[in-house]
Protein backbone atom coordinates (compact mmCIF):
# COMPACT_ATOMS: atom_id res chain seq x y z
CA MET A 1 100.55 117.63 115.42
CA VAL A 2 103.56 117.90 113.12
CA GLU A 3 102.67 119.48 109.75
CA ARG A 4 105.11 120.28 106.95
CA ASP A 5 105.64 120.24 103.20
CA ASP A 6 108.60 118.30 101.85
CA VAL A 7 109.92 118.25 98.31
CA VAL A 8 110.59 114.81 96.83
CA GLU A 9 112.58 114.41 93.64
CA THR A 10 110.83 112.20 91.11
CA GLY A 11 111.76 111.10 87.61
CA ASP A 12 109.57 113.95 86.33
CA GLY A 13 110.82 116.70 88.60
CA PRO A 14 110.17 117.89 92.15
CA MET A 15 106.92 116.97 93.86
CA THR A 16 105.55 118.59 97.00
CA VAL A 17 104.45 116.11 99.65
CA THR A 18 102.49 117.18 102.71
CA ILE A 19 103.38 115.29 105.90
CA ARG A 20 101.23 115.19 109.02
CA HIS A 21 101.73 112.99 112.05
CA PRO A 22 101.27 113.12 115.83
CA ASP A 23 103.72 114.97 118.02
CA GLY A 24 106.55 112.85 119.35
CA ALA A 25 109.27 110.62 117.99
CA GLY A 26 107.05 107.75 116.88
CA PRO A 27 107.45 105.68 114.87
CA PHE A 28 103.91 105.89 113.56
CA PRO A 29 102.25 103.63 110.95
CA VAL A 30 102.36 105.19 107.50
CA VAL A 31 99.29 106.00 105.40
CA ILE A 32 99.66 107.16 101.79
CA VAL A 33 96.70 109.36 100.81
CA TYR A 34 95.81 109.79 97.13
CA HIS A 35 93.66 112.80 96.28
CA ASP A 36 90.76 112.73 93.83
CA GLY A 37 90.32 114.65 90.58
CA PRO A 38 89.83 118.12 92.12
CA GLY A 39 93.26 117.78 93.70
CA LEU A 40 94.68 119.35 96.83
CA ARG A 41 92.19 121.37 98.86
CA GLU A 42 90.98 121.58 102.47
CA ASP A 43 88.77 118.47 102.21
CA ILE A 44 91.82 116.39 101.32
CA HIS A 45 94.03 118.05 103.92
CA ASP A 46 91.31 117.36 106.49
CA VAL A 47 91.58 113.66 105.64
CA THR A 48 95.25 113.66 106.61
CA ARG A 49 94.52 115.68 109.75
CA THR A 50 91.95 113.09 110.83
CA LEU A 51 94.41 110.27 110.22
CA ALA A 52 97.22 112.08 112.04
CA ASP A 53 94.90 112.70 114.99
CA ALA A 54 94.25 108.95 115.00
CA GLY A 55 97.97 108.21 115.30
CA TYR A 56 99.19 107.83 111.73
CA TYR A 57 102.07 109.28 109.74
CA THR A 58 100.21 110.61 106.70
CA VAL A 59 101.80 111.29 103.34
CA LEU A 60 99.86 113.35 100.77
CA PRO A 61 101.62 113.64 97.38
CA ASP A 62 100.73 116.33 94.88
CA LEU A 63 99.91 114.03 91.98
CA TYR A 64 99.50 116.95 89.56
CA HIS A 65 103.08 118.18 90.09
CA ARG A 66 103.85 117.71 86.38
CA LEU A 67 101.27 120.40 85.59
CA GLY A 68 102.35 122.94 88.21
CA HIS A 69 102.87 123.42 91.92
CA GLN A 70 99.81 122.40 93.94
CA ILE A 71 97.34 123.46 91.27
CA SER A 72 93.74 123.90 92.34
CA PHE A 73 90.32 123.96 90.74
CA ASP A 74 87.24 126.10 91.23
CA MET A 75 84.56 123.73 92.47
CA ALA A 76 81.74 126.02 91.31
CA GLY A 77 83.22 126.01 87.81
CA ILE A 78 83.52 122.23 87.83
CA ALA A 79 79.86 121.95 88.85
CA GLN A 80 78.86 123.62 85.56
CA GLY A 81 79.70 120.33 83.88
CA PRO A 82 81.15 119.31 80.51
CA GLY A 83 81.95 122.18 78.20
CA SER A 84 82.73 124.63 80.97
CA PRO A 85 86.39 125.76 81.03
CA GLU A 86 87.06 124.57 84.59
CA PHE A 87 85.44 121.17 84.05
CA ASP A 88 87.45 120.62 80.87
CA ARG A 89 90.61 121.71 82.69
CA LEU A 90 89.86 119.15 85.41
CA ILE A 91 89.36 116.33 82.90
CA ALA A 92 92.61 117.25 81.16
CA ALA A 93 94.44 117.03 84.49
CA VAL A 94 92.86 113.70 85.40
CA THR A 95 93.64 112.12 82.05
CA SER A 96 97.23 113.36 82.21
CA LEU A 97 97.95 110.90 85.00
CA GLY A 98 98.96 107.35 84.18
CA ASP A 99 99.05 104.58 86.76
CA ASP A 100 102.75 104.03 86.11
CA MET A 101 103.44 107.72 86.80
CA VAL A 102 101.68 107.58 90.15
CA LEU A 103 103.36 104.33 91.17
CA ALA A 104 106.77 105.76 90.26
CA ASP A 105 105.98 108.87 92.30
CA THR A 106 104.96 106.65 95.20
CA VAL A 107 108.24 104.74 95.12
CA ALA A 108 110.07 108.08 95.40
CA VAL A 109 107.78 109.13 98.26
CA LEU A 110 108.34 105.88 100.15
CA ASP A 111 112.11 106.17 99.71
CA ALA A 112 112.00 109.68 101.19
CA THR A 113 109.63 108.66 103.98
CA ALA A 114 111.95 105.83 105.01
CA ARG A 115 114.57 108.43 105.96
CA ASP A 116 112.29 109.87 108.66
CA GLY A 117 112.58 108.02 111.96
CA ALA A 118 109.01 109.02 112.84
CA ALA A 119 107.67 106.76 110.05
CA ASP A 120 107.16 103.05 110.70
CA MET A 121 107.84 101.61 107.26
CA ALA A 122 106.99 98.10 108.44
CA SER A 123 103.37 99.16 108.91
CA LYS A 124 101.79 100.80 105.87
CA ALA A 125 98.35 101.46 104.39
CA ALA A 126 96.86 103.53 101.57
CA MET A 127 93.66 105.54 101.22
CA GLY A 128 92.26 107.09 98.06
CA PHE A 129 89.20 108.75 96.59
CA CYS A 130 87.80 108.60 93.04
CA MET A 131 90.89 108.22 90.82
CA GLY A 132 92.88 107.98 94.05
CA ALA A 133 90.91 104.84 94.90
CA ARG A 134 92.06 103.38 91.60
CA PHE A 135 95.65 104.28 92.45
CA THR A 136 95.20 102.68 95.87
CA LEU A 137 94.17 99.38 94.29
CA ARG A 138 97.02 99.62 91.78
CA LEU A 139 99.54 100.23 94.58
CA LEU A 140 98.33 97.35 96.72
CA ALA A 141 98.37 94.97 93.77
CA SER A 142 101.87 96.05 92.72
CA ASP A 143 103.33 95.69 96.23
CA PRO A 144 101.29 92.93 97.90
CA ASP A 145 103.78 92.33 100.71
CA GLY A 146 104.41 95.97 101.54
CA PHE A 147 100.96 97.17 102.56
CA ALA A 148 98.66 95.77 105.20
CA ALA A 149 95.47 97.69 104.41
CA GLY A 150 93.73 99.96 101.95
CA SER A 151 90.61 102.10 101.85
CA ALA A 152 89.08 102.97 98.46
CA LEU A 153 86.19 105.44 98.50
CA HIS A 154 83.83 106.17 95.59
CA PRO A 155 86.33 104.58 93.15
CA SER A 156 86.31 105.57 89.49
CA ASN A 157 87.75 104.03 86.32
CA CYS A 158 88.41 100.72 88.07
CA VAL A 159 86.56 98.67 85.46
CA THR A 160 87.64 99.16 81.85
CA ASP A 161 87.92 97.02 78.73
CA ASP A 162 91.71 97.03 79.02
CA ALA A 163 93.53 93.79 79.70
CA ASP A 164 95.14 95.45 82.72
CA SER A 165 91.95 96.98 84.11
CA PRO A 166 92.40 97.51 87.87
CA HIS A 167 89.61 95.10 88.77
CA ARG A 168 91.52 92.28 87.10
CA SER A 169 94.37 92.57 89.61
CA ILE A 170 92.28 92.47 92.77
CA GLY A 171 93.26 88.85 93.29
CA ALA A 172 96.91 89.92 93.66
CA ILE A 173 96.12 92.08 96.69
CA SER A 174 96.95 90.50 100.04
CA ALA A 175 96.13 93.64 102.05
CA GLU A 176 92.79 93.93 103.79
CA LEU A 177 90.43 96.33 102.00
CA PHE A 178 87.49 98.57 102.68
CA VAL A 179 85.65 99.80 99.58
CA GLY A 180 82.83 102.32 99.87
CA LEU A 181 80.49 102.76 96.89
CA GLY A 182 77.69 105.23 96.31
CA GLY A 183 74.42 103.61 95.38
CA ALA A 184 73.54 106.68 93.29
CA ASP A 185 77.03 107.38 91.91
CA THR A 186 76.52 109.27 88.63
CA ILE A 187 80.21 109.31 87.63
CA SER A 188 81.03 105.67 88.31
CA PRO A 189 77.65 103.93 88.51
CA LEU A 190 77.14 100.87 90.67
CA GLU A 191 76.37 98.76 87.61
CA LEU A 192 79.67 99.74 85.99
CA ASN A 193 81.52 98.60 89.09
CA GLY A 194 79.82 95.20 89.02
CA PRO A 195 82.98 93.36 87.86
CA LEU A 196 84.97 95.11 90.59
CA ARG A 197 82.47 94.00 93.21
CA ASP A 198 82.60 90.45 91.86
CA GLU A 199 86.39 90.36 92.23
CA LEU A 200 86.25 91.84 95.72
CA ALA A 201 83.78 89.09 96.69
CA GLN A 202 86.21 86.28 95.79
CA PRO A 203 87.01 84.07 98.83
CA SER A 204 90.74 84.76 98.56
CA VAL A 205 90.23 88.55 98.81
CA LYS A 206 90.00 90.16 102.24
CA ALA A 207 87.57 92.95 101.47
CA THR A 208 84.58 94.64 103.05
CA VAL A 209 82.36 96.41 100.52
CA GLU A 210 79.67 98.83 101.61
CA ILE A 211 77.08 100.34 99.27
CA PHE A 212 75.49 103.55 100.53
CA ASP A 213 71.95 104.07 99.27
CA GLY A 214 71.40 107.45 97.70
CA ALA A 215 75.06 108.47 97.89
CA ASP A 216 76.58 110.12 94.84
CA HIS A 217 80.20 110.41 93.76
CA GLY A 218 82.23 112.45 96.25
CA PHE A 219 80.11 111.56 99.28
CA MET A 220 83.15 111.74 101.60
CA PHE A 221 83.81 115.48 101.34
CA PRO A 222 81.86 118.06 103.39
CA HIS A 223 82.60 120.88 100.94
CA TYR A 224 81.46 118.86 97.91
CA PRO A 225 77.84 119.06 96.70
CA ALA A 226 77.48 115.26 96.87
CA TYR A 227 78.51 115.00 100.53
CA GLN A 228 76.41 112.51 102.47
CA GLN A 229 77.00 112.52 106.21
CA HIS A 230 75.92 108.93 106.80
CA ALA A 231 78.12 107.50 104.06
CA ALA A 232 81.11 109.59 105.14
CA THR A 233 80.71 108.77 108.83
CA VAL A 234 80.40 105.03 108.26
CA SER A 235 83.29 105.03 105.78
CA TRP A 236 85.52 106.74 108.33
CA GLU A 237 84.47 104.27 111.01
CA ARG A 238 85.20 101.28 108.77
CA THR A 239 88.52 102.74 107.61
CA LEU A 240 89.81 103.55 111.08
CA GLU A 241 88.68 100.16 112.40
CA LEU A 242 90.56 98.50 109.55
CA PHE A 243 93.72 100.52 110.09
CA ARG A 244 93.69 99.87 113.85
CA ARG A 245 93.34 96.16 113.21
CA ALA A 246 95.82 95.79 110.37
CA LEU A 247 98.58 98.25 111.22
């Protein structure tokens, strides 16, 4: 496996991007991976390793680059909840990111990726978790002809009162989607995501939605307290099936 960190120049300064793909010249289908709130850590890097092992050119941008180089968070501190210094630091980082910032970063990443002959830019997908799932839906809606597939796992903040709430643009997505929801999600409850599920169920939308009973927010990550093996295993199966079919 090829593994390296590249530096991509964005409108807000340099951003580190981790690249992983199979050995060989390729080209390999491209998958953009958006991390969740806790940022870059082994659970997220393991996602890209799994995808690279499956034959994909994975691109993992450091979305928090405006705050520092590959900043990290103490998961035990986050688990203490609101009012704890690490939890409040996490929330400040999450709220510092606007959709437009991430999409602009992604344009810069795609421009850089296109210069690597190992990347098949005609075959692209995106995968994201929590806020990264929101960014995945935003990306697919903003570039409906550029991406063939997307996987959004335990999405958060996808239904708001804003006129441009992410769920309102689902109809603009032509890519095929897999969306995995936790039936016991305490951060983004199933009821809150009702309007998102309604939009995903529209006949014009190519989406498979799976609700995992008893699964809480973060069910995909083995090092996260909410990890649920069944939900994670099925989500990986659905995602890889989708990518094999669409890319």
